[in-house]
Amino acid sequence: HLQELGCDVRWYMPDIYDEKIRNLNFSHYRYEKAVAVTLD
């Protein structure tokens, strides 16, 4: 919604979310220092 209003919206998430964020058409910053600890 914010993207459609003209905001420059970007996400910070680990690479396991690459496909989801790409499908949503957002620019994406991956974790570098952070460790991606998931429920799995």
PDB file of all heavy atoms in Angstrom:
ATOM      1  N   HIS A   1       0.829  -1.202   0.000  1.00  0.00           N
ATOM      2  CA  HIS A   1       0.000   0.000   0.000  1.00  0.00           C
ATOM      3  C   HIS A   1       0.867   1.257   0.000  1.00  0.00           C
ATOM      4  O   HIS A   1       0.621   2.189  -0.774  1.00  0.00           O
ATOM      5  CB  HIS A   1      -0.913  -0.015   1.231  1.00  0.00           C
ATOM      6  CG  HIS A   1      -1.762   1.206   1.377  1.00  0.00           C
ATOM      7  ND1 HIS A   1      -2.826   1.476   0.549  1.00  0.00           N
ATOM      8  CD2 HIS A   1      -1.692   2.243   2.263  1.00  0.00           C
ATOM      9  CE1 HIS A   1      -3.384   2.627   0.907  1.00  0.00           C
ATOM     10  NE2 HIS A   1      -2.714   3.114   1.943  1.00  0.00           N
ATOM     11  N   LEU A   2       1.895   1.282   0.834  1.00  0.00           N
ATOM     12  CA  LEU A   2       2.786   2.439   0.895  1.00  0.00           C
ATOM     13  C   LEU A   2       3.595   2.575  -0.400  1.00  0.00           C
ATOM     14  O   LEU A   2       3.859   3.685  -0.870  1.00  0.00           O
ATOM     15  CB  LEU A   2       3.720   2.316   2.095  1.00  0.00           C
ATOM     16  CG  LEU A   2       3.042   2.450   3.464  1.00  0.00           C
ATOM     17  CD1 LEU A   2       4.010   2.083   4.586  1.00  0.00           C
ATOM     18  CD2 LEU A   2       2.503   3.866   3.679  1.00  0.00           C
ATOM     19  N   GLN A   3       3.963   1.438  -0.976  1.00  0.00           N
ATOM     20  CA  GLN A   3       4.679   1.475  -2.255  1.00  0.00           C
ATOM     21  C   GLN A   3       3.792   2.098  -3.342  1.00  0.00           C
ATOM     22  O   GLN A   3       4.247   2.915  -4.150  1.00  0.00           O
ATOM     23  CB  GLN A   3       5.104   0.065  -2.658  1.00  0.00           C
ATOM     24  CG  GLN A   3       5.969   0.000  -3.914  1.00  0.00           C
ATOM     25  CD  GLN A   3       6.247  -1.435  -4.330  1.00  0.00           C
ATOM     26  OE1 GLN A   3       5.328  -2.194  -4.621  1.00  0.00           O
ATOM     27  NE2 GLN A   3       7.514  -1.814  -4.349  1.00  0.00           N
ATOM     28  N   GLU A   4       2.527   1.717  -3.344  1.00  0.00           N
ATOM     29  CA  GLU A   4       1.597   2.242  -4.336  1.00  0.00           C
ATOM     30  C   GLU A   4       1.332   3.734  -4.141  1.00  0.00           C
ATOM     31  O   GLU A   4       0.927   4.429  -5.081  1.00  0.00           O
ATOM     32  CB  GLU A   4       0.278   1.452  -4.293  1.00  0.00           C
ATOM     33  CG  GLU A   4       0.421   0.027  -4.827  1.00  0.00           C
ATOM     34  CD  GLU A   4      -0.737  -0.870  -4.439  1.00  0.00           C
ATOM     35  OE1 GLU A   4      -1.676  -0.370  -3.765  1.00  0.00           O
ATOM     36  OE2 GLU A   4      -0.704  -2.070  -4.789  1.00  0.00           O
ATOM     37  N   LEU A   5       1.564   4.225  -2.917  1.00  0.00           N
ATOM     38  CA  LEU A   5       1.430   5.660  -2.652  1.00  0.00           C
ATOM     39  C   LEU A   5       2.701   6.424  -3.026  1.00  0.00           C
ATOM     40  O   LEU A   5       2.778   7.636  -2.808  1.00  0.00           O
ATOM     41  CB  LEU A   5       1.099   5.893  -1.177  1.00  0.00           C
ATOM     42  CG  LEU A   5      -0.315   5.523  -0.730  1.00  0.00           C
ATOM     43  CD1 LEU A   5      -0.473   5.698   0.779  1.00  0.00           C
ATOM     44  CD2 LEU A   5      -1.361   6.363  -1.456  1.00  0.00           C
ATOM     45  N   GLY A   6       3.684   5.718  -3.558  1.00  0.00           N
ATOM     46  CA  GLY A   6       4.889   6.375  -4.041  1.00  0.00           C
ATOM     47  C   GLY A   6       6.073   6.321  -3.104  1.00  0.00           C
ATOM     48  O   GLY A   6       7.127   6.911  -3.401  1.00  0.00           O
ATOM     49  N   CYS A   7       5.938   5.642  -1.970  1.00  0.00           N
ATOM     50  CA  CYS A   7       7.070   5.517  -1.047  1.00  0.00           C
ATOM     51  C   CYS A   7       8.113   4.561  -1.625  1.00  0.00           C
ATOM     52  O   CYS A   7       7.779   3.604  -2.335  1.00  0.00           O
ATOM     53  CB  CYS A   7       6.602   4.997   0.307  1.00  0.00           C
ATOM     54  SG  CYS A   7       5.479   6.105   1.191  1.00  0.00           S
ATOM     55  N   ASP A   8       9.355   4.823  -1.290  1.00  0.00           N
ATOM     56  CA  ASP A   8      10.450   3.918  -1.649  1.00  0.00           C
ATOM     57  C   ASP A   8      10.562   2.899  -0.514  1.00  0.00           C
ATOM     58  O   ASP A   8      11.190   3.146   0.511  1.00  0.00           O
ATOM     59  CB  ASP A   8      11.753   4.707  -1.797  1.00  0.00           C
ATOM     60  CG  ASP A   8      12.904   3.836  -2.307  1.00  0.00           C
ATOM     61  OD1 ASP A   8      12.744   2.603  -2.383  1.00  0.00           O
ATOM     62  OD2 ASP A   8      13.980   4.404  -2.609  1.00  0.00           O
ATOM     63  N   VAL A   9       9.906   1.764  -0.698  1.00  0.00           N
ATOM     64  CA  VAL A   9       9.800   0.741   0.344  1.00  0.00           C
ATOM     65  C   VAL A   9      10.807  -0.371   0.070  1.00  0.00           C
ATOM     66  O   VAL A   9      10.829  -0.935  -1.029  1.00  0.00           O
ATOM     67  CB  VAL A   9       8.377   0.153   0.417  1.00  0.00           C
ATOM     68  CG1 VAL A   9       8.300  -0.954   1.466  1.00  0.00           C
ATOM     69  CG2 VAL A   9       7.361   1.246   0.722  1.00  0.00           C
ATOM     70  N   ARG A  10      11.623  -0.689   1.061  1.00  0.00           N
ATOM     71  CA  ARG A  10      12.587  -1.775   0.937  1.00  0.00           C
ATOM     72  C   ARG A  10      12.533  -2.655   2.184  1.00  0.00           C
ATOM     73  O   ARG A  10      12.113  -2.210   3.244  1.00  0.00           O
ATOM     74  CB  ARG A  10      13.996  -1.216   0.726  1.00  0.00           C
ATOM     75  CG  ARG A  10      14.065  -0.235  -0.453  1.00  0.00           C
ATOM     76  CD  ARG A  10      15.470   0.214  -0.766  1.00  0.00           C
ATOM     77  NE  ARG A  10      15.476   1.281  -1.773  1.00  0.00           N
ATOM     78  CZ  ARG A  10      16.562   1.782  -2.329  1.00  0.00           C
ATOM     79  NH1 ARG A  10      17.770   1.300  -1.991  1.00  0.00           N
ATOM     80  NH2 ARG A  10      16.472   2.756  -3.210  1.00  0.00           N
ATOM     81  N   TRP A  11      12.972  -3.901   2.024  1.00  0.00           N
ATOM     82  CA  TRP A  11      12.898  -4.867   3.111  1.00  0.00           C
ATOM     83  C   TRP A  11      14.295  -5.287   3.567  1.00  0.00           C
ATOM     84  O   TRP A  11      15.223  -5.398   2.762  1.00  0.00           O
ATOM     85  CB  TRP A  11      12.164  -6.132   2.666  1.00  0.00           C
ATOM     86  CG  TRP A  11      10.674  -6.003   2.688  1.00  0.00           C
ATOM     87  CD1 TRP A  11       9.893  -5.493   1.683  1.00  0.00           C
ATOM     88  CD2 TRP A  11       9.782  -6.382   3.735  1.00  0.00           C
ATOM     89  NE1 TRP A  11       8.578  -5.547   2.059  1.00  0.00           N
ATOM     90  CE2 TRP A  11       8.474  -6.092   3.303  1.00  0.00           C
ATOM     91  CE3 TRP A  11       9.969  -6.957   4.996  1.00  0.00           C
ATOM     92  CZ2 TRP A  11       7.354  -6.341   4.080  1.00  0.00           C
ATOM     93  CZ3 TRP A  11       8.853  -7.214   5.781  1.00  0.00           C
ATOM     94  CH2 TRP A  11       7.560  -6.909   5.334  1.00  0.00           C
ATOM     95  N   TYR A  12      14.396  -5.546   4.856  1.00  0.00           N
ATOM     96  CA  TYR A  12      15.583  -6.157   5.447  1.00  0.00           C
ATOM     97  C   TYR A  12      15.167  -7.516   5.995  1.00  0.00           C
ATOM     98  O   TYR A  12      14.436  -7.607   6.982  1.00  0.00           O
ATOM     99  CB  TYR A  12      16.144  -5.262   6.560  1.00  0.00           C
ATOM    100  CG  TYR A  12      17.177  -5.921   7.447  1.00  0.00           C
ATOM    101  CD1 TYR A  12      18.369  -6.422   6.913  1.00  0.00           C
ATOM    102  CD2 TYR A  12      16.961  -6.043   8.824  1.00  0.00           C
ATOM    103  CE1 TYR A  12      19.306  -7.026   7.733  1.00  0.00           C
ATOM    104  CE2 TYR A  12      17.904  -6.638   9.653  1.00  0.00           C
ATOM    105  CZ  TYR A  12      19.070  -7.134   9.109  1.00  0.00           C
ATOM    106  OH  TYR A  12      20.003  -7.730   9.918  1.00  0.00           O
ATOM    107  N   MET A  13      15.593  -8.586   5.307  1.00  0.00           N
ATOM    108  CA  MET A  13      15.224  -9.951   5.681  1.00  0.00           C
ATOM    109  C   MET A  13      16.316 -10.904   5.206  1.00  0.00           C
ATOM    110  O   MET A  13      17.080 -10.575   4.295  1.00  0.00           O
ATOM    111  CB  MET A  13      13.887 -10.361   5.038  1.00  0.00           C
ATOM    112  CG  MET A  13      12.670  -9.662   5.591  1.00  0.00           C
ATOM    113  SD  MET A  13      12.277 -10.128   7.292  1.00  0.00           S
ATOM    114  CE  MET A  13      11.608 -11.774   7.080  1.00  0.00           C
ATOM    115  N   PRO A  14      16.417 -12.101   5.786  1.00  0.00           N
ATOM    116  CA  PRO A  14      17.442 -13.052   5.344  1.00  0.00           C
ATOM    117  C   PRO A  14      17.142 -13.607   3.963  1.00  0.00           C
ATOM    118  O   PRO A  14      16.034 -13.459   3.433  1.00  0.00           O
ATOM    119  CB  PRO A  14      17.381 -14.149   6.412  1.00  0.00           C
ATOM    120  CG  PRO A  14      16.002 -14.078   6.953  1.00  0.00           C
ATOM    121  CD  PRO A  14      15.629 -12.627   6.919  1.00  0.00           C
ATOM    122  N   ASP A  15      18.127 -14.288   3.381  1.00  0.00           N
ATOM    123  CA  ASP A  15      17.981 -14.759   2.005  1.00  0.00           C
ATOM    124  C   ASP A  15      16.907 -15.817   1.825  1.00  0.00           C
ATOM    125  O   ASP A  15      16.454 -16.047   0.704  1.00  0.00           O
ATOM    126  CB  ASP A  15      19.323 -15.266   1.462  1.00  0.00           C
ATOM    127  CG  ASP A  15      19.937 -16.359   2.324  1.00  0.00           C
ATOM    128  OD1 ASP A  15      19.274 -16.826   3.277  1.00  0.00           O
ATOM    129  OD2 ASP A  15      21.100 -16.740   2.056  1.00  0.00           O
ATOM    130  N   ILE A  16      16.462 -16.445   2.908  1.00  0.00           N
ATOM    131  CA  ILE A  16      15.389 -17.427   2.775  1.00  0.00           C
ATOM    132  C   ILE A  16      14.076 -16.771   2.358  1.00  0.00           C
ATOM    133  O   ILE A  16      13.129 -17.467   1.960  1.00  0.00           O
ATOM    134  CB  ILE A  16      15.187 -18.231   4.079  1.00  0.00           C
ATOM    135  CG1 ILE A  16      14.932 -17.299   5.262  1.00  0.00           C
ATOM    136  CG2 ILE A  16      16.363 -19.139   4.349  1.00  0.00           C
ATOM    137  CD1 ILE A  16      14.615 -18.024   6.565  1.00  0.00           C
ATOM    138  N   TYR A  17      14.018 -15.436   2.421  1.00  0.00           N
ATOM    139  CA  TYR A  17      12.831 -14.703   1.987  1.00  0.00           C
ATOM    140  C   TYR A  17      13.014 -14.070   0.612  1.00  0.00           C
ATOM    141  O   TYR A  17      12.176 -13.269   0.176  1.00  0.00           O
ATOM    142  CB  TYR A  17      12.449 -13.636   3.024  1.00  0.00           C
ATOM    143  CG  TYR A  17      11.688 -14.217   4.197  1.00  0.00           C
ATOM    144  CD1 TYR A  17      12.358 -14.839   5.245  1.00  0.00           C
ATOM    145  CD2 TYR A  17      10.299 -14.186   4.238  1.00  0.00           C
ATOM    146  CE1 TYR A  17      11.664 -15.399   6.302  1.00  0.00           C
ATOM    147  CE2 TYR A  17       9.595 -14.743   5.285  1.00  0.00           C
ATOM    148  CZ  TYR A  17      10.281 -15.353   6.315  1.00  0.00           C
ATOM    149  OH  TYR A  17       9.585 -15.916   7.363  1.00  0.00           O
ATOM    150  N   ASP A  18      14.091 -14.413  -0.072  1.00  0.00           N
ATOM    151  CA  ASP A  18      14.378 -13.822  -1.386  1.00  0.00           C
ATOM    152  C   ASP A  18      13.184 -13.952  -2.339  1.00  0.00           C
ATOM    153  O   ASP A  18      12.759 -12.977  -2.970  1.00  0.00           O
ATOM    154  CB  ASP A  18      15.600 -14.498  -2.023  1.00  0.00           C
ATOM    155  CG  ASP A  18      16.907 -13.950  -1.480  1.00  0.00           C
ATOM    156  OD1 ASP A  18      16.867 -13.078  -0.586  1.00  0.00           O
ATOM    157  OD2 ASP A  18      17.972 -14.395  -1.942  1.00  0.00           O
ATOM    158  N   GLU A  19      12.669 -15.149  -2.474  1.00  0.00           N
ATOM    159  CA  GLU A  19      11.610 -15.387  -3.457  1.00  0.00           C
ATOM    160  C   GLU A  19      10.338 -14.626  -3.103  1.00  0.00           C
ATOM    161  O   GLU A  19       9.716 -14.003  -3.977  1.00  0.00           O
ATOM    162  CB  GLU A  19      11.304 -16.881  -3.568  1.00  0.00           C
ATOM    163  CG  GLU A  19      10.266 -17.211  -4.627  1.00  0.00           C
ATOM    164  CD  GLU A  19      10.006 -18.694  -4.771  1.00  0.00           C
ATOM    165  OE1 GLU A  19      10.698 -19.494  -4.101  1.00  0.00           O
ATOM    166  OE2 GLU A  19       9.112 -19.060  -5.559  1.00  0.00           O
ATOM    167  N   LYS A  20       9.970 -14.650  -1.829  1.00  0.00           N
ATOM    168  CA  LYS A  20       8.748 -13.949  -1.420  1.00  0.00           C
ATOM    169  C   LYS A  20       8.852 -12.456  -1.675  1.00  0.00           C
ATOM    170  O   LYS A  20       7.910 -11.827  -2.183  1.00  0.00           O
ATOM    171  CB  LYS A  20       8.472 -14.198   0.071  1.00  0.00           C
ATOM    172  CG  LYS A  20       7.990 -15.598   0.388  1.00  0.00           C
ATOM    173  CD  LYS A  20       7.587 -15.721   1.840  1.00  0.00           C
ATOM    174  CE  LYS A  20       7.028 -17.112   2.118  1.00  0.00           C
ATOM    175  NZ  LYS A  20       6.539 -17.259   3.512  1.00  0.00           N
ATOM    176  N   ILE A  21       9.999 -11.872  -1.330  1.00  0.00           N
ATOM    177  CA  ILE A  21      10.169 -10.431  -1.500  1.00  0.00           C
ATOM    178  C   ILE A  21      10.292 -10.072  -2.979  1.00  0.00           C
ATOM    179  O   ILE A  21       9.767  -9.045  -3.419  1.00  0.00           O
ATOM    180  CB  ILE A  21      11.391  -9.944  -0.691  1.00  0.00           C
ATOM    181  CG1 ILE A  21      11.091 -10.097   0.810  1.00  0.00           C
ATOM    182  CG2 ILE A  21      11.726  -8.491  -1.012  1.00  0.00           C
ATOM    183  CD1 ILE A  21      12.246  -9.784   1.719  1.00  0.00           C
ATOM    184  N   ARG A  22      10.934 -10.931  -3.749  1.00  0.00           N
ATOM    185  CA  ARG A  22      11.045 -10.699  -5.188  1.00  0.00           C
ATOM    186  C   ARG A  22       9.658 -10.731  -5.840  1.00  0.00           C
ATOM    187  O   ARG A  22       9.348  -9.894  -6.704  1.00  0.00           O
ATOM    188  CB  ARG A  22      11.963 -11.752  -5.812  1.00  0.00           C
ATOM    189  CG  ARG A  22      12.201 -11.531  -7.308  1.00  0.00           C
ATOM    190  CD  ARG A  22      13.310 -12.430  -7.843  1.00  0.00           C
ATOM    191  NE  ARG A  22      13.074 -13.831  -7.583  1.00  0.00           N
ATOM    192  CZ  ARG A  22      13.773 -14.571  -6.699  1.00  0.00           C
ATOM    193  NH1 ARG A  22      14.743 -14.018  -5.994  1.00  0.00           N
ATOM    194  NH2 ARG A  22      13.498 -15.847  -6.535  1.00  0.00           N
ATOM    195  N   ASN A  23       8.816 -11.675  -5.417  1.00  0.00           N
ATOM    196  CA  ASN A  23       7.463 -11.762  -5.965  1.00  0.00           C
ATOM    197  C   ASN A  23       6.616 -10.548  -5.604  1.00  0.00           C
ATOM    198  O   ASN A  23       5.662 -10.204  -6.316  1.00  0.00           O
ATOM    199  CB  ASN A  23       6.773 -13.043  -5.473  1.00  0.00           C
ATOM    200  CG  ASN A  23       7.356 -14.301  -6.092  1.00  0.00           C
ATOM    201  OD1 ASN A  23       7.997 -14.239  -7.145  1.00  0.00           O
ATOM    202  ND2 ASN A  23       7.155 -15.436  -5.445  1.00  0.00           N
ATOM    203  N   LEU A  24       6.948  -9.897  -4.488  1.00  0.00           N
ATOM    204  CA  LEU A  24       6.246  -8.690  -4.069  1.00  0.00           C
ATOM    205  C   LEU A  24       6.812  -7.432  -4.728  1.00  0.00           C
ATOM    206  O   LEU A  24       6.284  -6.334  -4.550  1.00  0.00           O
ATOM    207  CB  LEU A  24       6.327  -8.547  -2.544  1.00  0.00           C
ATOM    208  CG  LEU A  24       5.513  -9.555  -1.735  1.00  0.00           C
ATOM    209  CD1 LEU A  24       5.960  -9.548  -0.276  1.00  0.00           C
ATOM    210  CD2 LEU A  24       4.025  -9.248  -1.834  1.00  0.00           C
ATOM    211  N   ASN A  25       7.914  -7.613  -5.464  1.00  0.00           N
ATOM    212  CA  ASN A  25       8.538  -6.507  -6.205  1.00  0.00           C
ATOM    213  C   ASN A  25       9.100  -5.426  -5.275  1.00  0.00           C
ATOM    214  O   ASN A  25       8.883  -4.231  -5.499  1.00  0.00           O
ATOM    215  CB  ASN A  25       7.546  -5.894  -7.204  1.00  0.00           C
ATOM    216  CG  ASN A  25       8.230  -5.014  -8.233  1.00  0.00           C
ATOM    217  OD1 ASN A  25       9.383  -5.254  -8.598  1.00  0.00           O
ATOM    218  ND2 ASN A  25       7.542  -3.980  -8.689  1.00  0.00           N
ATOM    219  N   PHE A  26       9.836  -5.859  -4.249  1.00  0.00           N
ATOM    220  CA  PHE A  26      10.527  -4.933  -3.358  1.00  0.00           C
ATOM    221  C   PHE A  26      12.038  -5.102  -3.494  1.00  0.00           C
ATOM    222  O   PHE A  26      12.525  -6.212  -3.727  1.00  0.00           O
ATOM    223  CB  PHE A  26      10.160  -5.186  -1.891  1.00  0.00           C
ATOM    224  CG  PHE A  26       8.767  -4.788  -1.525  1.00  0.00           C
ATOM    225  CD1 PHE A  26       7.842  -5.745  -1.134  1.00  0.00           C
ATOM    226  CD2 PHE A  26       8.383  -3.458  -1.552  1.00  0.00           C
ATOM    227  CE1 PHE A  26       6.556  -5.386  -0.783  1.00  0.00           C
ATOM    228  CE2 PHE A  26       7.088  -3.086  -1.210  1.00  0.00           C
ATOM    229  CZ  PHE A  26       6.171  -4.045  -0.827  1.00  0.00           C
ATOM    230  N   SER A  27      12.770  -3.998  -3.301  1.00  0.00           N
ATOM    231  CA  SER A  27      14.211  -4.103  -3.129  1.00  0.00           C
ATOM    232  C   SER A  27      14.474  -4.746  -1.776  1.00  0.00           C
ATOM    233  O   SER A  27      13.703  -4.597  -0.828  1.00  0.00           O
ATOM    234  CB  SER A  27      14.854  -2.718  -3.186  1.00  0.00           C
ATOM    235  OG  SER A  27      14.695  -2.140  -4.462  1.00  0.00           O
ATOM    236  N   HIS A  28      15.625  -5.431  -1.668  1.00  0.00           N
ATOM    237  CA  HIS A  28      15.821  -6.320  -0.521  1.00  0.00           C
ATOM    238  C   HIS A  28      17.257  -6.244  -0.027  1.00  0.00           C
ATOM    239  O   HIS A  28      18.203  -6.358  -0.809  1.00  0.00           O
ATOM    240  CB  HIS A  28      15.477  -7.750  -0.980  1.00  0.00           C
ATOM    241  CG  HIS A  28      15.705  -8.797   0.062  1.00  0.00           C
ATOM    242  ND1 HIS A  28      15.966 -10.113  -0.257  1.00  0.00           N
ATOM    243  CD2 HIS A  28      15.730  -8.739   1.413  1.00  0.00           C
ATOM    244  CE1 HIS A  28      16.127 -10.811   0.841  1.00  0.00           C
ATOM    245  NE2 HIS A  28      15.989 -10.001   1.870  1.00  0.00           N
ATOM    246  N   TYR A  29      17.418  -6.044   1.275  1.00  0.00           N
ATOM    247  CA  TYR A  29      18.729  -6.120   1.917  1.00  0.00           C
ATOM    248  C   TYR A  29      18.777  -7.399   2.750  1.00  0.00           C
ATOM    249  O   TYR A  29      17.939  -7.606   3.628  1.00  0.00           O
ATOM    250  CB  TYR A  29      18.966  -4.905   2.821  1.00  0.00           C
ATOM    251  CG  TYR A  29      18.960  -3.583   2.086  1.00  0.00           C
ATOM    252  CD1 TYR A  29      17.832  -2.781   2.089  1.00  0.00           C
ATOM    253  CD2 TYR A  29      20.079  -3.155   1.381  1.00  0.00           C
ATOM    254  CE1 TYR A  29      17.809  -1.572   1.414  1.00  0.00           C
ATOM    255  CE2 TYR A  29      20.076  -1.942   0.695  1.00  0.00           C
ATOM    256  CZ  TYR A  29      18.933  -1.156   0.720  1.00  0.00           C
ATOM    257  OH  TYR A  29      18.919   0.040   0.053  1.00  0.00           O
ATOM    258  N   ARG A  30      19.768  -8.239   2.487  1.00  0.00           N
ATOM    259  CA  ARG A  30      19.892  -9.491   3.227  1.00  0.00           C
ATOM    260  C   ARG A  30      20.675  -9.295   4.520  1.00  0.00           C
ATOM    261  O   ARG A  30      21.384  -8.316   4.695  1.00  0.00           O
ATOM    262  CB  ARG A  30      20.599 -10.547   2.367  1.00  0.00           C
ATOM    263  CG  ARG A  30      19.858 -10.924   1.102  1.00  0.00           C
ATOM    264  CD  ARG A  30      20.598 -12.032   0.370  1.00  0.00           C
ATOM    265  NE  ARG A  30      19.922 -12.392  -0.881  1.00  0.00           N
ATOM    266  CZ  ARG A  30      20.181 -11.835  -2.043  1.00  0.00           C
ATOM    267  NH1 ARG A  30      21.102 -10.871  -2.121  1.00  0.00           N
ATOM    268  NH2 ARG A  30      19.528 -12.215  -3.130  1.00  0.00           N
ATOM    269  N   TYR A  31      20.515 -10.266   5.411  1.00  0.00           N
ATOM    270  CA  TYR A  31      21.320 -10.276   6.630  1.00  0.00           C
ATOM    271  C   TYR A  31      22.800 -10.422   6.269  1.00  0.00           C
ATOM    272  O   TYR A  31      23.152 -11.227   5.401  1.00  0.00           O
ATOM    273  CB  TYR A  31      20.950 -11.459   7.519  1.00  0.00           C
ATOM    274  CG  TYR A  31      19.615 -11.361   8.229  1.00  0.00           C
ATOM    275  CD1 TYR A  31      18.707 -10.345   7.962  1.00  0.00           C
ATOM    276  CD2 TYR A  31      19.267 -12.315   9.185  1.00  0.00           C
ATOM    277  CE1 TYR A  31      17.493 -10.291   8.621  1.00  0.00           C
ATOM    278  CE2 TYR A  31      18.053 -12.255   9.850  1.00  0.00           C
ATOM    279  CZ  TYR A  31      17.164 -11.240   9.563  1.00  0.00           C
ATOM    280  OH  TYR A  31      15.967 -11.185  10.228  1.00  0.00           O
ATOM    281  N   GLU A  32      23.635  -9.680   6.934  1.00  0.00           N
ATOM    282  CA  GLU A  32      25.082  -9.871   6.825  1.00  0.00           C
ATOM    283  C   GLU A  32      25.656 -10.218   8.189  1.00  0.00           C
ATOM    284  O   GLU A  32      26.191 -11.300   8.387  1.00  0.00           O
ATOM    285  CB  GLU A  32      25.739  -8.618   6.224  1.00  0.00           C
ATOM    286  CG  GLU A  32      25.437  -8.434   4.746  1.00  0.00           C
ATOM    287  CD  GLU A  32      26.344  -7.428   4.069  1.00  0.00           C
ATOM    288  OE1 GLU A  32      27.313  -6.959   4.698  1.00  0.00           O
ATOM    289  OE2 GLU A  32      26.086  -7.104   2.895  1.00  0.00           O
ATOM    290  N   LYS A  33      25.531  -9.320   9.140  1.00  0.00           N
ATOM    291  CA  LYS A  33      25.974  -9.615  10.505  1.00  0.00           C
ATOM    292  C   LYS A  33      24.990 -10.535  11.226  1.00  0.00           C
ATOM    293  O   LYS A  33      25.377 -11.391  12.018  1.00  0.00           O
ATOM    294  CB  LYS A  33      26.107  -8.313  11.305  1.00  0.00           C
ATOM    295  CG  LYS A  33      27.221  -7.378  10.840  1.00  0.00           C
ATOM    296  CD  LYS A  33      28.570  -7.860  11.305  1.00  0.00           C
ATOM    297  CE  LYS A  33      29.643  -6.819  11.009  1.00  0.00           C
ATOM    298  NZ  LYS A  33      30.993  -7.263  11.427  1.00  0.00           N
ATOM    299  N   ALA A  34      23.720 -10.343  10.951  1.00  0.00           N
ATOM    300  CA  ALA A  34      22.679 -11.051  11.695  1.00  0.00           C
ATOM    301  C   ALA A  34      22.610 -12.534  11.328  1.00  0.00           C
ATOM    302  O   ALA A  34      22.802 -12.917  10.173  1.00  0.00           O
ATOM    303  CB  ALA A  34      21.329 -10.403  11.450  1.00  0.00           C
ATOM    304  N   VAL A  35      22.332 -13.342  12.325  1.00  0.00           N
ATOM    305  CA  VAL A  35      22.107 -14.771  12.142  1.00  0.00           C
ATOM    306  C   VAL A  35      20.602 -15.004  12.016  1.00  0.00           C
ATOM    307  O   VAL A  35      19.822 -14.525  12.845  1.00  0.00           O
ATOM    308  CB  VAL A  35      22.668 -15.575  13.329  1.00  0.00           C
ATOM    309  CG1 VAL A  35      22.364 -17.063  13.163  1.00  0.00           C
ATOM    310  CG2 VAL A  35      24.161 -15.326  13.488  1.00  0.00           C
ATOM    311  N   ALA A  36      20.178 -15.719  10.990  1.00  0.00           N
ATOM    312  CA  ALA A  36      18.755 -15.983  10.757  1.00  0.00           C
ATOM    313  C   ALA A  36      18.318 -17.207  11.555  1.00  0.00           C
ATOM    314  O   ALA A  36      18.383 -18.338  11.065  1.00  0.00           O
ATOM    315  CB  ALA A  36      18.483 -16.179   9.274  1.00  0.00           C
ATOM    316  N   VAL A  37      17.898 -16.977  12.785  1.00  0.00           N
ATOM    317  CA  VAL A  37      17.398 -18.069  13.621  1.00  0.00           C
ATOM    318  C   VAL A  37      15.890 -18.154  13.408  1.00  0.00           C
ATOM    319  O   VAL A  37      15.146 -17.240  13.747  1.00  0.00           O
ATOM    320  CB  VAL A  37      17.720 -17.822  15.113  1.00  0.00           C
ATOM    321  CG1 VAL A  37      17.225 -18.996  15.957  1.00  0.00           C
ATOM    322  CG2 VAL A  37      19.211 -17.612  15.305  1.00  0.00           C
ATOM    323  N   THR A  38      15.426 -19.259  12.848  1.00  0.00           N
ATOM    324  CA  THR A  38      14.017 -19.435  12.522  1.00  0.00           C
ATOM    325  C   THR A  38      13.384 -20.462  13.446  1.00  0.00           C
ATOM    326  O   THR A  38      14.072 -21.161  14.208  1.00  0.00           O
ATOM    327  CB  THR A  38      13.852 -19.892  11.065  1.00  0.00           C
ATOM    328  OG1 THR A  38      14.341 -21.237  10.944  1.00  0.00           O
ATOM    329  CG2 THR A  38      14.627 -18.991  10.105  1.00  0.00           C
ATOM    330  N   LEU A  39      12.062 -20.607  13.337  1.00  0.00           N
ATOM    331  CA  LEU A  39      11.361 -21.610  14.132  1.00  0.00           C
ATOM    332  C   LEU A  39      11.806 -23.015  13.755  1.00  0.00           C
ATOM    333  O   LEU A  39      11.761 -23.935  14.580  1.00  0.00           O
ATOM    334  CB  LEU A  39       9.847 -21.468  13.946  1.00  0.00           C
ATOM    335  CG  LEU A  39       9.212 -20.192  14.526  1.00  0.00           C
ATOM    336  CD1 LEU A  39       7.752 -20.093  14.115  1.00  0.00           C
ATOM    337  CD2 LEU A  39       9.343 -20.159  16.043  1.00  0.00           C
ATOM    338  N   ASP A  40      12.252 -23.188  12.522  1.00  0.00           N
ATOM    339  CA  ASP A  40      12.721 -24.507  12.082  1.00  0.00           C
ATOM    340  C   ASP A  40      14.139 -24.797  12.549  1.00  0.00           C
ATOM    341  O   ASP A  40      14.467 -25.939  12.897  1.00  0.00           O
ATOM    342  CB  ASP A  40      12.664 -24.602  10.554  1.00  0.00           C
ATOM    343  CG  ASP A  40      11.238 -24.667  10.032  1.00  0.00           C
ATOM    344  OD1 ASP A  40      10.413 -25.334  10.678  1.00  0.00           O
ATOM    345  OD2 ASP A  40      10.957 -24.048   8.995  1.00  0.00           O
TER     346      ASP A  40
END
